[in-house]
């Protein structure tokens, strides 16, 4: 069961920054219809660290994609700062993501021909922001990669690549960071290091953080756990 507000002392007074209201998502596979989300209601409060748990196929990744503007709902609403999120075009969706949302993925998704510094700078280059290199270096320093900035992904360990991905997700100073199985490809030691990094960044920067995970250690680190089963919050 989703933990209530008494499990997180700021829940009653903090602002709901992102909300799913009766969200449903269906995919059409030929003549068949696959229902992935079946009426999800969920609120994410400003400054909160939430773990989203559930078995494979429960709809965790789909919900993250909808909340982050990577896909559109079949029915229901996604609200951002209390207003319906209406992303009718790819350009509108990209603008929303670039301004408000940072993403971290299980597979890192770093560009192999760019070094760590260039990978971190990439989102802001798209946004034409100034002093990109200074900010990217500060972020890589923050995630413990001061001496690895000039290395390409093939020259970095899995944990280092995920640290680069986390730094990249913060480049545009997002309101929300959505992470999909960020420890899924890591050994237990590196997994613990990434969990501690997420906790530290959340506390230091007052990040609003939603992490989809199978990992019980990630769930223990979060302030609240939301569980999905068969496309519903249980």
C-alpha atoms as a PDB file:
ATOM      1  CA  UNK A   1       0.000   0.000   0.000  1.00  0.00           C
ATOM      2  CA  UNK A   2       1.192   3.531  -0.721  1.00  0.00           C
ATOM      3  CA  UNK A   3       2.490   5.101   2.465  1.00  0.00           C
ATOM      4  CA  UNK A   4       0.363   7.973   3.648  1.00  0.00           C
ATOM      5  CA  UNK A   5       1.312  11.557   4.423  1.00  0.00           C
ATOM      6  CA  UNK A   6       2.079  10.737   8.037  1.00  0.00           C
ATOM      7  CA  UNK A   7       5.084   8.795   6.735  1.00  0.00           C
ATOM      8  CA  UNK A   8       6.599  12.011   5.401  1.00  0.00           C
ATOM      9  CA  UNK A   9       6.353  15.064   7.607  1.00  0.00           C
ATOM     10  CA  UNK A  10       6.298  17.618   4.757  1.00  0.00           C
ATOM     11  CA  UNK A  11       3.591  15.879   2.733  1.00  0.00           C
ATOM     12  CA  UNK A  12       0.672  17.818   4.207  1.00  0.00           C
ATOM     13  CA  UNK A  13       2.175  21.233   3.499  1.00  0.00           C
ATOM     14  CA  UNK A  14       4.308  20.762   0.389  1.00  0.00           C
ATOM     15  CA  UNK A  15       3.090  21.563  -3.086  1.00  0.00           C
ATOM     16  CA  UNK A  16       2.035  18.818  -5.483  1.00  0.00           C
ATOM     17  CA  UNK A  17       4.302  19.410  -8.457  1.00  0.00           C
ATOM     18  CA  UNK A  18       3.308  16.426 -10.611  1.00  0.00           C
ATOM     19  CA  UNK A  19       0.108  14.410 -10.527  1.00  0.00           C
ATOM     20  CA  UNK A  20      -1.523  11.515 -12.368  1.00  0.00           C
ATOM     21  CA  UNK A  21      -5.318  11.479 -12.295  1.00  0.00           C
ATOM     22  CA  UNK A  22      -7.105   8.322 -13.433  1.00  0.00           C
ATOM     23  CA  UNK A  23      -4.306   7.764 -15.947  1.00  0.00           C
ATOM     24  CA  UNK A  24      -4.757   4.917 -18.406  1.00  0.00           C
ATOM     25  CA  UNK A  25      -2.412   3.785 -21.135  1.00  0.00           C
ATOM     26  CA  UNK A  26      -3.255   1.318 -23.883  1.00  0.00           C
ATOM     27  CA  UNK A  27      -1.190   0.059 -26.783  1.00  0.00           C
ATOM     28  CA  UNK A  28      -2.593  -1.511 -29.940  1.00  0.00           C
ATOM     29  CA  UNK A  29      -0.737  -4.554 -31.208  1.00  0.00           C
ATOM     30  CA  UNK A  30      -2.372  -5.435 -34.494  1.00  0.00           C
ATOM     31  CA  UNK A  31      -5.956  -6.327 -33.659  1.00  0.00           C
ATOM     32  CA  UNK A  32      -5.207  -6.696 -29.954  1.00  0.00           C
ATOM     33  CA  UNK A  33      -5.198  -4.050 -27.248  1.00  0.00           C
ATOM     34  CA  UNK A  34      -2.743  -4.116 -24.342  1.00  0.00           C
ATOM     35  CA  UNK A  35      -3.790  -2.162 -21.275  1.00  0.00           C
ATOM     36  CA  UNK A  36      -0.674  -1.197 -19.279  1.00  0.00           C
ATOM     37  CA  UNK A  37      -2.027   1.408 -16.848  1.00  0.00           C
ATOM     38  CA  UNK A  38      -5.572   1.091 -15.556  1.00  0.00           C
ATOM     39  CA  UNK A  39      -6.592   4.209 -13.690  1.00  0.00           C
ATOM     40  CA  UNK A  40      -3.502   5.375 -11.810  1.00  0.00           C
ATOM     41  CA  UNK A  41      -3.844   8.173  -9.259  1.00  0.00           C
ATOM     42  CA  UNK A  42      -0.556   9.497  -7.905  1.00  0.00           C
ATOM     43  CA  UNK A  43       0.848  12.754  -6.496  1.00  0.00           C
ATOM     44  CA  UNK A  44       4.510  13.768  -6.319  1.00  0.00           C
ATOM     45  CA  UNK A  45       5.243  16.591  -3.885  1.00  0.00           C
ATOM     46  CA  UNK A  46       7.937  19.224  -4.224  1.00  0.00           C
ATOM     47  CA  UNK A  47      11.203  18.068  -2.660  1.00  0.00           C
ATOM     48  CA  UNK A  48      10.020  14.485  -2.183  1.00  0.00           C
ATOM     49  CA  UNK A  49      12.035  11.312  -2.862  1.00  0.00           C
ATOM     50  CA  UNK A  50       9.648   8.533  -3.924  1.00  0.00           C
ATOM     51  CA  UNK A  51      10.415   4.956  -4.954  1.00  0.00           C
ATOM     52  CA  UNK A  52       8.033   3.399  -7.490  1.00  0.00           C
ATOM     53  CA  UNK A  53       8.039  -0.369  -7.103  1.00  0.00           C
ATOM     54  CA  UNK A  54       6.399  -3.256  -8.912  1.00  0.00           C
ATOM     55  CA  UNK A  55       7.116  -6.425 -10.844  1.00  0.00           C
ATOM     56  CA  UNK A  56       8.188  -6.356 -14.481  1.00  0.00           C
ATOM     57  CA  UNK A  57       5.177  -5.422 -16.559  1.00  0.00           C
ATOM     58  CA  UNK A  58       3.432  -3.574 -13.733  1.00  0.00           C
ATOM     59  CA  UNK A  59       3.650  -0.259 -15.608  1.00  0.00           C
ATOM     60  CA  UNK A  60       6.477   1.538 -13.763  1.00  0.00           C
ATOM     61  CA  UNK A  61       8.429   2.622 -16.840  1.00  0.00           C
ATOM     62  CA  UNK A  62       5.243   3.542 -18.689  1.00  0.00           C
ATOM     63  CA  UNK A  63       4.129   5.789 -15.834  1.00  0.00           C
ATOM     64  CA  UNK A  64       7.525   7.520 -15.733  1.00  0.00           C
ATOM     65  CA  UNK A  65       7.361   8.126 -19.488  1.00  0.00           C
ATOM     66  CA  UNK A  66       3.909   9.679 -19.194  1.00  0.00           C
ATOM     67  CA  UNK A  67       4.859  11.846 -16.210  1.00  0.00           C
ATOM     68  CA  UNK A  68       7.987  13.045 -18.008  1.00  0.00           C
ATOM     69  CA  UNK A  69       6.306  13.877 -21.306  1.00  0.00           C
ATOM     70  CA  UNK A  70       7.949  11.063 -23.275  1.00  0.00           C
ATOM     71  CA  UNK A  71       4.529   9.622 -24.148  1.00  0.00           C
ATOM     72  CA  UNK A  72       0.880  10.657 -23.960  1.00  0.00           C
ATOM     73  CA  UNK A  73      -1.934   9.148 -21.909  1.00  0.00           C
ATOM     74  CA  UNK A  74      -4.775   7.207 -23.513  1.00  0.00           C
ATOM     75  CA  UNK A  75      -7.156   8.792 -21.000  1.00  0.00           C
ATOM     76  CA  UNK A  76      -6.971  10.639 -17.713  1.00  0.00           C
ATOM     77  CA  UNK A  77      -4.725  13.611 -16.978  1.00  0.00           C
ATOM     78  CA  UNK A  78      -1.153  14.480 -16.048  1.00  0.00           C
ATOM     79  CA  UNK A  79      -0.983  17.726 -14.060  1.00  0.00           C
ATOM     80  CA  UNK A  80       2.148  19.840 -13.649  1.00  0.00           C
ATOM     81  CA  UNK A  81       1.938  22.555 -10.982  1.00  0.00           C
ATOM     82  CA  UNK A  82      -1.808  21.967 -10.886  1.00  0.00           C
ATOM     83  CA  UNK A  83      -2.430  22.525 -14.591  1.00  0.00           C
ATOM     84  CA  UNK A  84      -3.117  19.795 -17.172  1.00  0.00           C
ATOM     85  CA  UNK A  85      -0.037  18.873 -19.175  1.00  0.00           C
ATOM     86  CA  UNK A  86      -1.065  19.316 -22.804  1.00  0.00           C
ATOM     87  CA  UNK A  87       1.806  18.365 -25.085  1.00  0.00           C
ATOM     88  CA  UNK A  88       0.214  18.208 -28.504  1.00  0.00           C
ATOM     89  CA  UNK A  89       3.419  18.288 -30.545  1.00  0.00           C
ATOM     90  CA  UNK A  90       6.875  16.763 -30.272  1.00  0.00           C
ATOM     91  CA  UNK A  91       8.322  20.283 -29.975  1.00  0.00           C
ATOM     92  CA  UNK A  92       6.077  21.105 -27.009  1.00  0.00           C
ATOM     93  CA  UNK A  93       7.022  17.847 -25.302  1.00  0.00           C
ATOM     94  CA  UNK A  94      10.731  18.454 -25.865  1.00  0.00           C
ATOM     95  CA  UNK A  95      10.448  21.994 -24.502  1.00  0.00           C
ATOM     96  CA  UNK A  96       8.692  20.733 -21.358  1.00  0.00           C
ATOM     97  CA  UNK A  97      11.295  18.042 -20.767  1.00  0.00           C
ATOM     98  CA  UNK A  98      14.210  20.359 -21.435  1.00  0.00           C
ATOM     99  CA  UNK A  99      12.941  22.952 -18.983  1.00  0.00           C
ATOM    100  CA  UNK A 100      11.437  20.895 -16.166  1.00  0.00           C
ATOM    101  CA  UNK A 101      12.481  17.215 -16.176  1.00  0.00           C
ATOM    102  CA  UNK A 102      15.762  15.343 -15.867  1.00  0.00           C
ATOM    103  CA  UNK A 103      15.955  11.659 -16.807  1.00  0.00           C
ATOM    104  CA  UNK A 104      18.226   8.839 -15.634  1.00  0.00           C
ATOM    105  CA  UNK A 105      17.955   5.454 -17.365  1.00  0.00           C
ATOM    106  CA  UNK A 106      19.161   1.946 -16.552  1.00  0.00           C
ATOM    107  CA  UNK A 107      21.224   1.792 -19.755  1.00  0.00           C
ATOM    108  CA  UNK A 108      22.797   5.274 -19.215  1.00  0.00           C
ATOM    109  CA  UNK A 109      22.162   6.413 -22.836  1.00  0.00           C
ATOM    110  CA  UNK A 110      25.453   8.289 -23.146  1.00  0.00           C
ATOM    111  CA  UNK A 111      26.724   9.219 -26.592  1.00  0.00           C
ATOM    112  CA  UNK A 112      29.810   7.048 -27.224  1.00  0.00           C
ATOM    113  CA  UNK A 113      31.745   9.613 -29.272  1.00  0.00           C
ATOM    114  CA  UNK A 114      31.483  12.309 -26.574  1.00  0.00           C
ATOM    115  CA  UNK A 115      33.511  12.426 -23.383  1.00  0.00           C
ATOM    116  CA  UNK A 116      31.934  12.735 -19.934  1.00  0.00           C
ATOM    117  CA  UNK A 117      32.003  16.532 -19.938  1.00  0.00           C
ATOM    118  CA  UNK A 118      30.451  16.748 -23.410  1.00  0.00           C
ATOM    119  CA  UNK A 119      27.721  14.258 -22.477  1.00  0.00           C
ATOM    120  CA  UNK A 120      26.775  16.310 -19.430  1.00  0.00           C
ATOM    121  CA  UNK A 121      26.736  19.544 -21.450  1.00  0.00           C
ATOM    122  CA  UNK A 122      24.554  18.115 -24.212  1.00  0.00           C
ATOM    123  CA  UNK A 123      21.055  18.946 -22.848  1.00  0.00           C
ATOM    124  CA  UNK A 124      22.007  22.561 -22.188  1.00  0.00           C
ATOM    125  CA  UNK A 125      23.554  22.924 -25.636  1.00  0.00           C
ATOM    126  CA  UNK A 126      20.170  22.096 -27.065  1.00  0.00           C
ATOM    127  CA  UNK A 127      18.720  24.834 -24.836  1.00  0.00           C
ATOM    128  CA  UNK A 128      21.459  27.344 -25.824  1.00  0.00           C
ATOM    129  CA  UNK A 129      22.424  28.142 -22.235  1.00  0.00           C
ATOM    130  CA  UNK A 130      25.556  30.100 -21.325  1.00  0.00           C
ATOM    131  CA  UNK A 131      28.610  29.001 -19.359  1.00  0.00           C
ATOM    132  CA  UNK A 132      27.816  25.361 -20.020  1.00  0.00           C
ATOM    133  CA  UNK A 133      31.273  24.024 -19.358  1.00  0.00           C
ATOM    134  CA  UNK A 134      31.530  25.618 -15.928  1.00  0.00           C
ATOM    135  CA  UNK A 135      28.241  24.114 -14.779  1.00  0.00           C
ATOM    136  CA  UNK A 136      28.993  20.693 -16.311  1.00  0.00           C
ATOM    137  CA  UNK A 137      32.357  20.574 -14.528  1.00  0.00           C
ATOM    138  CA  UNK A 138      30.700  21.506 -11.238  1.00  0.00           C
ATOM    139  CA  UNK A 139      28.180  18.684 -11.662  1.00  0.00           C
ATOM    140  CA  UNK A 140      30.823  16.088 -12.555  1.00  0.00           C
ATOM    141  CA  UNK A 141      32.802  17.206  -9.519  1.00  0.00           C
ATOM    142  CA  UNK A 142      29.647  16.808  -7.421  1.00  0.00           C
ATOM    143  CA  UNK A 143      29.174  13.205  -8.557  1.00  0.00           C
ATOM    144  CA  UNK A 144      32.832  12.379  -7.919  1.00  0.00           C
ATOM    145  CA  UNK A 145      34.200  12.429 -11.478  1.00  0.00           C
ATOM    146  CA  UNK A 146      36.519  15.435 -11.390  1.00  0.00           C
ATOM    147  CA  UNK A 147      39.389  13.356 -12.807  1.00  0.00           C
ATOM    148  CA  UNK A 148      37.319  11.509 -15.445  1.00  0.00           C
ATOM    149  CA  UNK A 149      35.796  14.401 -17.388  1.00  0.00           C
ATOM    150  CA  UNK A 150      37.782  13.750 -20.566  1.00  0.00           C
ATOM    151  CA  UNK A 151      36.985  10.030 -20.732  1.00  0.00           C
ATOM    152  CA  UNK A 152      34.492   8.554 -23.170  1.00  0.00           C
ATOM    153  CA  UNK A 153      31.828   6.082 -21.986  1.00  0.00           C
ATOM    154  CA  UNK A 154      33.862   3.070 -23.168  1.00  0.00           C
ATOM    155  CA  UNK A 155      36.628   4.181 -20.817  1.00  0.00           C
ATOM    156  CA  UNK A 156      34.325   4.403 -17.791  1.00  0.00           C
ATOM    157  CA  UNK A 157      32.919   1.731 -15.505  1.00  0.00           C
ATOM    158  CA  UNK A 158      29.165   1.157 -15.294  1.00  0.00           C
ATOM    159  CA  UNK A 159      28.982   3.121 -12.067  1.00  0.00           C
ATOM    160  CA  UNK A 160      30.932   5.995 -13.559  1.00  0.00           C
ATOM    161  CA  UNK A 161      28.680   6.047 -16.607  1.00  0.00           C
ATOM    162  CA  UNK A 162      25.630   6.239 -14.361  1.00  0.00           C
ATOM    163  CA  UNK A 163      27.228   9.112 -12.444  1.00  0.00           C
ATOM    164  CA  UNK A 164      27.688  10.940 -15.749  1.00  0.00           C
ATOM    165  CA  UNK A 165      24.033  10.253 -16.574  1.00  0.00           C
ATOM    166  CA  UNK A 166      22.945  11.633 -13.194  1.00  0.00           C
ATOM    167  CA  UNK A 167      25.063  14.768 -13.698  1.00  0.00           C
ATOM    168  CA  UNK A 168      23.557  15.168 -17.177  1.00  0.00           C
ATOM    169  CA  UNK A 169      20.028  14.923 -15.737  1.00  0.00           C
ATOM    170  CA  UNK A 170      20.788  17.957 -13.529  1.00  0.00           C
ATOM    171  CA  UNK A 171      22.324  20.142 -16.232  1.00  0.00           C
ATOM    172  CA  UNK A 172      19.207  22.204 -16.925  1.00  0.00           C
ATOM    173  CA  UNK A 173      18.321  22.588 -13.211  1.00  0.00           C
ATOM    174  CA  UNK A 174      15.137  20.514 -13.588  1.00  0.00           C
ATOM    175  CA  UNK A 175      12.179  20.724 -11.235  1.00  0.00           C
ATOM    176  CA  UNK A 176      11.925  16.913 -11.213  1.00  0.00           C
ATOM    177  CA  UNK A 177      14.297  14.016 -11.815  1.00  0.00           C
ATOM    178  CA  UNK A 178      12.795  10.720 -13.021  1.00  0.00           C
ATOM    179  CA  UNK A 179      15.049   7.659 -12.771  1.00  0.00           C
ATOM    180  CA  UNK A 180      14.169   4.296 -14.322  1.00  0.00           C
ATOM    181  CA  UNK A 181      16.032   1.401 -12.627  1.00  0.00           C
ATOM    182  CA  UNK A 182      19.197   3.489 -12.122  1.00  0.00           C
ATOM    183  CA  UNK A 183      20.963   0.644 -10.269  1.00  0.00           C
ATOM    184  CA  UNK A 184      19.695  -2.185 -12.491  1.00  0.00           C
ATOM    185  CA  UNK A 185      22.980  -2.755 -14.381  1.00  0.00           C
ATOM    186  CA  UNK A 186      25.313  -2.351 -11.405  1.00  0.00           C
ATOM    187  CA  UNK A 187      27.025  -4.707  -8.974  1.00  0.00           C
ATOM    188  CA  UNK A 188      26.027  -4.501  -5.307  1.00  0.00           C
ATOM    189  CA  UNK A 189      28.931  -2.271  -4.255  1.00  0.00           C
ATOM    190  CA  UNK A 190      28.413   0.235  -7.059  1.00  0.00           C
ATOM    191  CA  UNK A 191      24.657   0.067  -6.515  1.00  0.00           C
ATOM    192  CA  UNK A 192      25.164   1.235  -2.938  1.00  0.00           C
ATOM    193  CA  UNK A 193      27.344   4.109  -4.110  1.00  0.00           C
ATOM    194  CA  UNK A 194      24.689   5.289  -6.591  1.00  0.00           C
ATOM    195  CA  UNK A 195      21.968   5.075  -3.934  1.00  0.00           C
ATOM    196  CA  UNK A 196      24.061   7.187  -1.578  1.00  0.00           C
ATOM    197  CA  UNK A 197      24.712   9.672  -4.384  1.00  0.00           C
ATOM    198  CA  UNK A 198      20.984  10.009  -5.112  1.00  0.00           C
ATOM    199  CA  UNK A 199      20.267  10.528  -1.413  1.00  0.00           C
ATOM    200  CA  UNK A 200      22.990  13.151  -1.144  1.00  0.00           C
ATOM    201  CA  UNK A 201      21.844  15.040  -4.235  1.00  0.00           C
ATOM    202  CA  UNK A 202      18.253  14.934  -3.014  1.00  0.00           C
ATOM    203  CA  UNK A 203      19.209  16.348   0.369  1.00  0.00           C
ATOM    204  CA  UNK A 204      21.735  18.915  -0.871  1.00  0.00           C
ATOM    205  CA  UNK A 205      19.709  20.249  -3.776  1.00  0.00           C
ATOM    206  CA  UNK A 206      16.163  19.637  -2.520  1.00  0.00           C
ATOM    207  CA  UNK A 207      15.476  17.583  -5.632  1.00  0.00           C
ATOM    208  CA  UNK A 208      12.068  16.184  -6.377  1.00  0.00           C
ATOM    209  CA  UNK A 209      13.010  12.605  -7.220  1.00  0.00           C
ATOM    210  CA  UNK A 210      10.925   9.675  -8.489  1.00  0.00           C
ATOM    211  CA  UNK A 211      12.774   6.383  -8.951  1.00  0.00           C
ATOM    212  CA  UNK A 212      11.262   3.283 -10.553  1.00  0.00           C
ATOM    213  CA  UNK A 213      13.074   0.291  -9.102  1.00  0.00           C
ATOM    214  CA  UNK A 214      13.097  -3.397  -8.189  1.00  0.00           C
ATOM    215  CA  UNK A 215      15.814  -2.640  -5.658  1.00  0.00           C
ATOM    216  CA  UNK A 216      14.746  -2.854  -2.012  1.00  0.00           C
ATOM    217  CA  UNK A 217      17.754  -0.761  -0.985  1.00  0.00           C
ATOM    218  CA  UNK A 218      16.547   2.086  -3.195  1.00  0.00           C
ATOM    219  CA  UNK A 219      13.102   1.761  -1.632  1.00  0.00           C
ATOM    220  CA  UNK A 220      14.630   1.966   1.861  1.00  0.00           C
ATOM    221  CA  UNK A 221      16.446   5.170   0.901  1.00  0.00           C
ATOM    222  CA  UNK A 222      13.242   6.852  -0.318  1.00  0.00           C
ATOM    223  CA  UNK A 223      10.881   8.865   1.847  1.00  0.00           C
ATOM    224  CA  UNK A 224       7.849   7.107   0.421  1.00  0.00           C
ATOM    225  CA  UNK A 225       7.141   3.957  -1.582  1.00  0.00           C
ATOM    226  CA  UNK A 226       4.378   3.666  -4.188  1.00  0.00           C
ATOM    227  CA  UNK A 227       3.655   0.170  -5.503  1.00  0.00           C
ATOM    228  CA  UNK A 228       2.135  -0.745  -8.845  1.00  0.00           C
ATOM    229  CA  UNK A 229       0.506  -4.067  -9.615  1.00  0.00           C
ATOM    230  CA  UNK A 230      -1.247  -4.909 -12.873  1.00  0.00           C
ATOM    231  CA  UNK A 231      -1.285  -1.259 -13.912  1.00  0.00           C
ATOM    232  CA  UNK A 232      -2.768   0.081 -10.670  1.00  0.00           C
ATOM    233  CA  UNK A 233      -1.492   1.613  -7.460  1.00  0.00           C
ATOM    234  CA  UNK A 234      -1.927  -1.060  -4.786  1.00  0.00           C
END
